[in-house]
N, C-alpha and C. Protein backbone atom coordinates (compact mmCIF):
# COMPACT_ATOMS: atom_id res chain seq x y z
N MET A 1 -37.40 56.40 -22.41
CA MET A 1 -38.32 57.39 -22.95
C MET A 1 -38.90 56.93 -24.28
N ILE A 2 -38.11 56.20 -25.07
CA ILE A 2 -38.59 55.75 -26.39
C ILE A 2 -39.78 54.82 -26.23
N ALA A 3 -39.72 53.88 -25.28
CA ALA A 3 -40.85 52.96 -25.08
C ALA A 3 -42.10 53.72 -24.66
N ALA A 4 -41.92 54.73 -23.82
CA ALA A 4 -43.07 55.54 -23.40
C ALA A 4 -43.66 56.28 -24.59
N LEU A 5 -42.81 56.79 -25.47
CA LEU A 5 -43.30 57.47 -26.67
C LEU A 5 -44.05 56.50 -27.58
N ASP A 6 -43.55 55.28 -27.67
CA ASP A 6 -44.25 54.27 -28.48
C ASP A 6 -45.67 54.06 -27.96
N HIS A 7 -45.80 53.95 -26.65
CA HIS A 7 -47.14 53.77 -26.05
C HIS A 7 -48.01 55.01 -26.28
N THR A 8 -47.40 56.19 -26.15
CA THR A 8 -48.15 57.43 -26.34
C THR A 8 -48.68 57.54 -27.76
N PHE A 9 -47.80 57.36 -28.74
CA PHE A 9 -48.24 57.50 -30.13
C PHE A 9 -49.18 56.38 -30.54
N ALA A 10 -49.00 55.18 -30.01
CA ALA A 10 -49.94 54.09 -30.30
C ALA A 10 -51.32 54.42 -29.74
N ALA A 11 -51.34 54.99 -28.55
CA ALA A 11 -52.63 55.37 -27.94
C ALA A 11 -53.29 56.49 -28.74
N LEU A 12 -52.50 57.43 -29.21
CA LEU A 12 -53.05 58.57 -29.96
C LEU A 12 -53.45 58.21 -31.38
N ALA A 13 -53.06 57.04 -31.85
CA ALA A 13 -53.37 56.63 -33.23
C ALA A 13 -54.85 56.36 -33.44
N ASP A 14 -55.57 56.11 -32.37
CA ASP A 14 -56.99 55.74 -32.51
C ASP A 14 -57.88 56.97 -32.32
N PRO A 15 -58.82 57.21 -33.24
CA PRO A 15 -59.69 58.40 -33.13
C PRO A 15 -60.59 58.39 -31.90
N THR A 16 -61.03 57.22 -31.47
CA THR A 16 -61.87 57.16 -30.26
C THR A 16 -61.07 57.60 -29.04
N ARG A 17 -59.83 57.15 -28.94
CA ARG A 17 -59.00 57.54 -27.79
C ARG A 17 -58.69 59.03 -27.83
N ARG A 18 -58.46 59.58 -29.03
CA ARG A 18 -58.23 61.02 -29.13
C ARG A 18 -59.48 61.79 -28.70
N ALA A 19 -60.65 61.29 -29.07
CA ALA A 19 -61.90 61.94 -28.66
C ALA A 19 -62.08 61.87 -27.14
N ILE A 20 -61.71 60.75 -26.55
CA ILE A 20 -61.79 60.62 -25.09
C ILE A 20 -60.87 61.65 -24.44
N LEU A 21 -59.66 61.79 -24.95
CA LEU A 21 -58.73 62.78 -24.40
C LEU A 21 -59.28 64.20 -24.54
N ALA A 22 -59.92 64.48 -25.66
CA ALA A 22 -60.51 65.80 -25.87
C ALA A 22 -61.60 66.07 -24.85
N ARG A 23 -62.39 65.06 -24.55
CA ARG A 23 -63.44 65.21 -23.53
C ARG A 23 -62.82 65.42 -22.16
N LEU A 24 -61.73 64.74 -21.88
CA LEU A 24 -61.08 64.90 -20.57
C LEU A 24 -60.36 66.23 -20.43
N ALA A 25 -60.08 66.90 -21.55
CA ALA A 25 -59.44 68.21 -21.49
C ALA A 25 -60.35 69.22 -20.79
N GLY A 26 -61.65 68.94 -20.77
CA GLY A 26 -62.60 69.79 -20.08
C GLY A 26 -62.71 69.50 -18.59
N GLY A 27 -62.03 68.48 -18.13
CA GLY A 27 -62.07 68.14 -16.71
C GLY A 27 -62.33 66.66 -16.49
N GLU A 28 -62.30 66.26 -15.23
CA GLU A 28 -62.51 64.85 -14.87
C GLU A 28 -63.90 64.40 -15.30
N ARG A 29 -63.99 63.11 -15.63
CA ARG A 29 -65.28 62.53 -16.02
C ARG A 29 -65.33 61.09 -15.54
N THR A 30 -66.53 60.60 -15.35
CA THR A 30 -66.69 59.19 -15.02
C THR A 30 -66.59 58.39 -16.31
N VAL A 31 -66.38 57.11 -16.16
CA VAL A 31 -66.31 56.23 -17.34
C VAL A 31 -67.63 56.29 -18.10
N ASN A 32 -68.76 56.29 -17.39
CA ASN A 32 -70.06 56.37 -18.08
C ASN A 32 -70.21 57.68 -18.84
N ASP A 33 -69.73 58.79 -18.28
CA ASP A 33 -69.78 60.08 -18.99
C ASP A 33 -68.94 60.03 -20.26
N LEU A 34 -67.78 59.41 -20.15
CA LEU A 34 -66.90 59.30 -21.32
C LEU A 34 -67.52 58.41 -22.39
N ALA A 35 -68.21 57.37 -21.97
CA ALA A 35 -68.78 56.41 -22.92
C ALA A 35 -70.03 56.92 -23.62
N ALA A 36 -70.72 57.88 -23.01
CA ALA A 36 -72.03 58.33 -23.51
C ALA A 36 -72.07 58.69 -24.99
N PRO A 37 -71.15 59.48 -25.54
CA PRO A 37 -71.30 59.88 -26.94
C PRO A 37 -70.88 58.82 -27.97
N PHE A 38 -70.34 57.72 -27.51
CA PHE A 38 -69.83 56.72 -28.43
C PHE A 38 -70.82 55.58 -28.62
N ALA A 39 -70.90 55.08 -29.84
CA ALA A 39 -71.80 53.97 -30.16
C ALA A 39 -71.05 52.64 -30.02
N ILE A 40 -70.32 52.51 -28.93
CA ILE A 40 -69.61 51.26 -28.65
C ILE A 40 -69.91 50.84 -27.22
N SER A 41 -69.64 49.60 -26.91
CA SER A 41 -69.98 49.06 -25.60
C SER A 41 -69.10 49.63 -24.49
N LEU A 42 -69.58 49.52 -23.26
CA LEU A 42 -68.81 49.95 -22.11
C LEU A 42 -67.50 49.16 -21.96
N PRO A 43 -67.50 47.83 -22.22
CA PRO A 43 -66.23 47.11 -22.18
C PRO A 43 -65.23 47.61 -23.23
N ALA A 44 -65.72 48.03 -24.40
CA ALA A 44 -64.82 48.57 -25.43
C ALA A 44 -64.23 49.90 -24.96
N ILE A 45 -65.04 50.74 -24.34
CA ILE A 45 -64.53 52.00 -23.78
C ILE A 45 -63.50 51.70 -22.71
N SER A 46 -63.77 50.71 -21.90
CA SER A 46 -62.83 50.33 -20.84
C SER A 46 -61.49 49.90 -21.42
N ARG A 47 -61.51 49.17 -22.52
CA ARG A 47 -60.25 48.76 -23.18
C ARG A 47 -59.49 50.00 -23.70
N HIS A 48 -60.23 50.95 -24.27
CA HIS A 48 -59.59 52.19 -24.73
C HIS A 48 -58.96 52.92 -23.54
N LEU A 49 -59.67 52.96 -22.42
CA LEU A 49 -59.14 53.64 -21.24
C LEU A 49 -57.90 52.95 -20.70
N LYS A 50 -57.87 51.63 -20.78
CA LYS A 50 -56.67 50.90 -20.34
C LYS A 50 -55.46 51.26 -21.20
N VAL A 51 -55.67 51.40 -22.50
CA VAL A 51 -54.57 51.79 -23.40
C VAL A 51 -54.08 53.19 -23.04
N LEU A 52 -55.03 54.10 -22.80
CA LEU A 52 -54.66 55.47 -22.44
C LEU A 52 -53.94 55.51 -21.09
N GLU A 53 -54.37 54.67 -20.17
CA GLU A 53 -53.74 54.61 -18.85
C GLU A 53 -52.34 54.02 -18.95
N ARG A 54 -52.17 52.95 -19.74
CA ARG A 54 -50.86 52.34 -19.94
C ARG A 54 -49.87 53.33 -20.57
N ALA A 55 -50.39 54.21 -21.41
CA ALA A 55 -49.56 55.23 -22.04
C ALA A 55 -49.35 56.44 -21.12
N ALA A 56 -49.89 56.38 -19.93
CA ALA A 56 -49.79 57.46 -18.92
C ALA A 56 -50.45 58.76 -19.40
N LEU A 57 -51.42 58.65 -20.29
CA LEU A 57 -52.15 59.82 -20.76
C LEU A 57 -53.31 60.17 -19.82
N ILE A 58 -53.79 59.17 -19.09
CA ILE A 58 -54.86 59.41 -18.11
C ILE A 58 -54.54 58.65 -16.82
N THR A 59 -55.22 59.06 -15.77
CA THR A 59 -55.22 58.29 -14.52
C THR A 59 -56.67 57.98 -14.20
N ARG A 60 -56.89 56.83 -13.58
CA ARG A 60 -58.24 56.45 -13.17
C ARG A 60 -58.25 56.31 -11.66
N LEU A 61 -59.25 56.93 -11.05
CA LEU A 61 -59.40 56.89 -9.60
C LEU A 61 -60.75 56.27 -9.27
N ARG A 62 -60.82 55.64 -8.12
CA ARG A 62 -62.10 55.09 -7.67
C ARG A 62 -62.69 56.06 -6.66
N ASP A 63 -63.93 56.47 -6.92
CA ASP A 63 -64.67 57.36 -6.01
C ASP A 63 -65.97 56.67 -5.65
N GLY A 64 -65.93 55.86 -4.62
CA GLY A 64 -67.10 55.06 -4.26
C GLY A 64 -67.36 54.04 -5.35
N GLN A 65 -68.52 54.10 -5.97
CA GLN A 65 -68.87 53.16 -7.03
C GLN A 65 -68.41 53.64 -8.41
N HIS A 66 -67.96 54.85 -8.47
CA HIS A 66 -67.61 55.44 -9.76
C HIS A 66 -66.10 55.39 -10.00
N ARG A 67 -65.76 55.24 -11.29
CA ARG A 67 -64.37 55.35 -11.73
C ARG A 67 -64.24 56.71 -12.39
N ILE A 68 -63.36 57.53 -11.85
CA ILE A 68 -63.14 58.88 -12.38
C ILE A 68 -61.86 58.87 -13.21
N CYS A 69 -61.93 59.46 -14.38
CA CYS A 69 -60.76 59.56 -15.25
C CYS A 69 -60.29 61.01 -15.29
N ARG A 70 -58.97 61.15 -15.30
CA ARG A 70 -58.35 62.48 -15.30
C ARG A 70 -57.22 62.48 -16.32
N LEU A 71 -57.10 63.57 -17.05
CA LEU A 71 -56.04 63.73 -18.03
C LEU A 71 -54.69 63.89 -17.32
N SER A 72 -53.66 63.25 -17.85
CA SER A 72 -52.29 63.39 -17.33
C SER A 72 -51.44 63.98 -18.45
N PRO A 73 -51.26 65.29 -18.45
CA PRO A 73 -50.61 65.94 -19.59
C PRO A 73 -49.11 65.68 -19.72
N SER A 74 -48.46 65.12 -18.71
CA SER A 74 -47.00 64.97 -18.80
C SER A 74 -46.58 64.06 -19.96
N ALA A 75 -47.35 63.01 -20.25
CA ALA A 75 -47.01 62.13 -21.38
C ALA A 75 -47.13 62.90 -22.70
N LEU A 76 -48.10 63.78 -22.80
CA LEU A 76 -48.24 64.60 -24.00
C LEU A 76 -47.10 65.60 -24.10
N ASP A 77 -46.63 66.08 -22.96
CA ASP A 77 -45.48 67.01 -22.97
C ASP A 77 -44.25 66.31 -23.55
N ASP A 78 -44.02 65.05 -23.17
CA ASP A 78 -42.88 64.30 -23.71
C ASP A 78 -43.01 64.11 -25.22
N ALA A 79 -44.23 63.79 -25.67
CA ALA A 79 -44.46 63.61 -27.11
C ALA A 79 -44.27 64.93 -27.85
N ALA A 80 -44.75 66.01 -27.27
CA ALA A 80 -44.59 67.33 -27.89
C ALA A 80 -43.11 67.72 -27.98
N ALA A 81 -42.34 67.41 -26.94
CA ALA A 81 -40.90 67.71 -26.96
C ALA A 81 -40.21 66.92 -28.05
N TRP A 82 -40.58 65.65 -28.22
CA TRP A 82 -39.99 64.81 -29.26
C TRP A 82 -40.34 65.38 -30.65
N LEU A 83 -41.60 65.74 -30.83
CA LEU A 83 -42.03 66.31 -32.11
C LEU A 83 -41.33 67.63 -32.40
N ASP A 84 -41.16 68.48 -31.38
CA ASP A 84 -40.44 69.74 -31.57
C ASP A 84 -39.00 69.50 -32.01
N PHE A 85 -38.34 68.52 -31.37
CA PHE A 85 -36.97 68.20 -31.77
C PHE A 85 -36.94 67.74 -33.23
N GLN A 86 -37.85 66.85 -33.61
CA GLN A 86 -37.90 66.34 -34.99
C GLN A 86 -38.17 67.47 -35.97
N ARG A 87 -39.08 68.36 -35.62
CA ARG A 87 -39.41 69.48 -36.51
C ARG A 87 -38.19 70.37 -36.72
N ARG A 88 -37.47 70.70 -35.63
CA ARG A 88 -36.27 71.53 -35.76
C ARG A 88 -35.20 70.81 -36.57
N PHE A 89 -34.97 69.53 -36.27
CA PHE A 89 -33.93 68.76 -36.97
C PHE A 89 -34.20 68.73 -38.46
N TRP A 90 -35.42 68.36 -38.86
CA TRP A 90 -35.71 68.22 -40.29
C TRP A 90 -35.79 69.58 -40.97
N SER A 91 -36.27 70.58 -40.30
CA SER A 91 -36.31 71.91 -40.88
C SER A 91 -34.90 72.42 -41.16
N GLU A 92 -34.00 72.25 -40.19
CA GLU A 92 -32.62 72.68 -40.38
C GLU A 92 -31.93 71.85 -41.47
N SER A 93 -32.20 70.55 -41.50
CA SER A 93 -31.59 69.69 -42.52
C SER A 93 -32.07 70.09 -43.91
N LEU A 94 -33.34 70.34 -44.04
CA LEU A 94 -33.88 70.73 -45.35
C LEU A 94 -33.39 72.12 -45.76
N ASP A 95 -33.22 73.02 -44.78
CA ASP A 95 -32.68 74.34 -45.08
C ASP A 95 -31.24 74.22 -45.59
N ARG A 96 -30.44 73.35 -44.94
CA ARG A 96 -29.06 73.15 -45.40
C ARG A 96 -29.04 72.55 -46.80
N LEU A 97 -29.95 71.61 -47.08
CA LEU A 97 -30.02 71.02 -48.41
C LEU A 97 -30.40 72.08 -49.45
N ALA A 98 -31.37 72.92 -49.11
CA ALA A 98 -31.78 73.99 -50.04
C ALA A 98 -30.62 74.94 -50.31
N ASP A 99 -29.87 75.29 -49.25
CA ASP A 99 -28.71 76.17 -49.43
C ASP A 99 -27.67 75.51 -50.33
N HIS A 100 -27.43 74.24 -50.10
CA HIS A 100 -26.44 73.51 -50.92
C HIS A 100 -26.88 73.47 -52.39
N LEU A 101 -28.13 73.15 -52.62
CA LEU A 101 -28.62 73.09 -54.00
C LEU A 101 -28.60 74.45 -54.66
N ALA A 102 -28.89 75.50 -53.89
CA ALA A 102 -28.87 76.85 -54.45
C ALA A 102 -27.46 77.28 -54.83
N SER A 103 -26.47 76.75 -54.13
CA SER A 103 -25.08 77.14 -54.42
C SER A 103 -24.49 76.37 -55.60
N GLN A 104 -25.18 75.36 -56.09
CA GLN A 104 -24.69 74.58 -57.22
C GLN A 104 -24.95 75.32 -58.51
N PRO A 105 -24.00 75.23 -59.47
CA PRO A 105 -24.23 75.90 -60.76
C PRO A 105 -25.42 75.26 -61.49
N LYS A 106 -26.12 76.09 -62.19
CA LYS A 106 -27.28 75.61 -62.95
C LYS A 106 -26.80 74.84 -64.17
N GLU A 107 -27.47 73.72 -64.47
CA GLU A 107 -27.12 72.91 -65.64
C GLU A 107 -27.93 73.36 -66.83
N THR A 108 -27.32 73.36 -67.99
CA THR A 108 -28.06 73.58 -69.22
C THR A 108 -28.17 72.23 -69.91
N SER A 109 -28.96 72.16 -70.93
CA SER A 109 -29.13 70.87 -71.62
C SER A 109 -27.82 70.40 -72.24
N ASP A 110 -26.95 71.33 -72.62
CA ASP A 110 -25.65 70.95 -73.19
C ASP A 110 -24.71 70.39 -72.14
N ASP A 111 -24.92 70.77 -70.88
CA ASP A 111 -24.03 70.33 -69.80
C ASP A 111 -24.33 68.92 -69.33
N LYS A 112 -25.50 68.43 -69.61
CA LYS A 112 -25.89 67.13 -69.08
C LYS A 112 -25.10 66.02 -69.76
N PRO A 113 -24.51 65.14 -68.97
CA PRO A 113 -23.78 64.02 -69.59
C PRO A 113 -24.76 63.06 -70.23
N ARG A 114 -24.33 62.46 -71.31
CA ARG A 114 -25.18 61.47 -71.97
C ARG A 114 -25.15 60.19 -71.18
N ARG A 115 -26.29 59.59 -71.05
CA ARG A 115 -26.38 58.34 -70.31
C ARG A 115 -25.94 57.19 -71.18
N ARG A 116 -25.10 56.38 -70.60
CA ARG A 116 -24.68 55.17 -71.32
C ARG A 116 -25.66 54.07 -71.01
N ARG A 117 -25.89 53.26 -71.99
CA ARG A 117 -26.78 52.12 -71.77
C ARG A 117 -26.04 51.07 -70.96
N SER A 118 -26.77 50.42 -70.12
CA SER A 118 -26.16 49.34 -69.35
C SER A 118 -25.97 48.17 -70.29
N PRO A 119 -24.98 47.30 -70.01
CA PRO A 119 -24.74 46.14 -70.89
C PRO A 119 -25.98 45.27 -71.05
N ALA A 120 -26.77 45.14 -70.02
CA ALA A 120 -27.97 44.30 -70.09
C ALA A 120 -28.97 44.88 -71.10
N LYS A 121 -29.13 46.18 -71.12
CA LYS A 121 -30.06 46.81 -72.06
C LYS A 121 -29.53 46.71 -73.47
N SER A 122 -28.22 46.83 -73.64
CA SER A 122 -27.62 46.74 -74.98
C SER A 122 -27.84 45.36 -75.57
N ARG A 123 -27.70 44.33 -74.75
CA ARG A 123 -27.88 42.96 -75.24
C ARG A 123 -29.32 42.71 -75.67
N ARG A 124 -30.27 43.30 -74.95
CA ARG A 124 -31.66 43.05 -75.29
C ARG A 124 -32.04 43.65 -76.64
N ARG A 125 -31.40 44.71 -77.04
CA ARG A 125 -31.74 45.37 -78.31
C ARG A 125 -31.27 44.57 -79.50
N LYS A 126 -30.32 43.69 -79.35
CA LYS A 126 -29.75 42.95 -80.48
C LYS A 126 -30.68 41.92 -80.99
């Protein structure tokens, strides 16, 4: 699952690929339809689609002369589950840290220990 997540997040890192996914959220599209709003070449769009396909975010089907692209939400579901776990883990960890810090007695300026100079700093002053 980790390798699949690596591919998913790598694919999502590019704004063009995210825009392609957003367009596919509205339904299937041909490669030419997907390429239309972008000021990049058709081979460049094809490379983006290969990355999305390798990450299992889309599927490509052949319909006669046309290549149809379709969103595959299961890879996004896996990424969302991973992110939810991370959000819960870090939220709970930070809550425990906040509770621990809140339970510690407050320091006053008189309570602070004086810092000793390190031997290296002492030698430099001489």
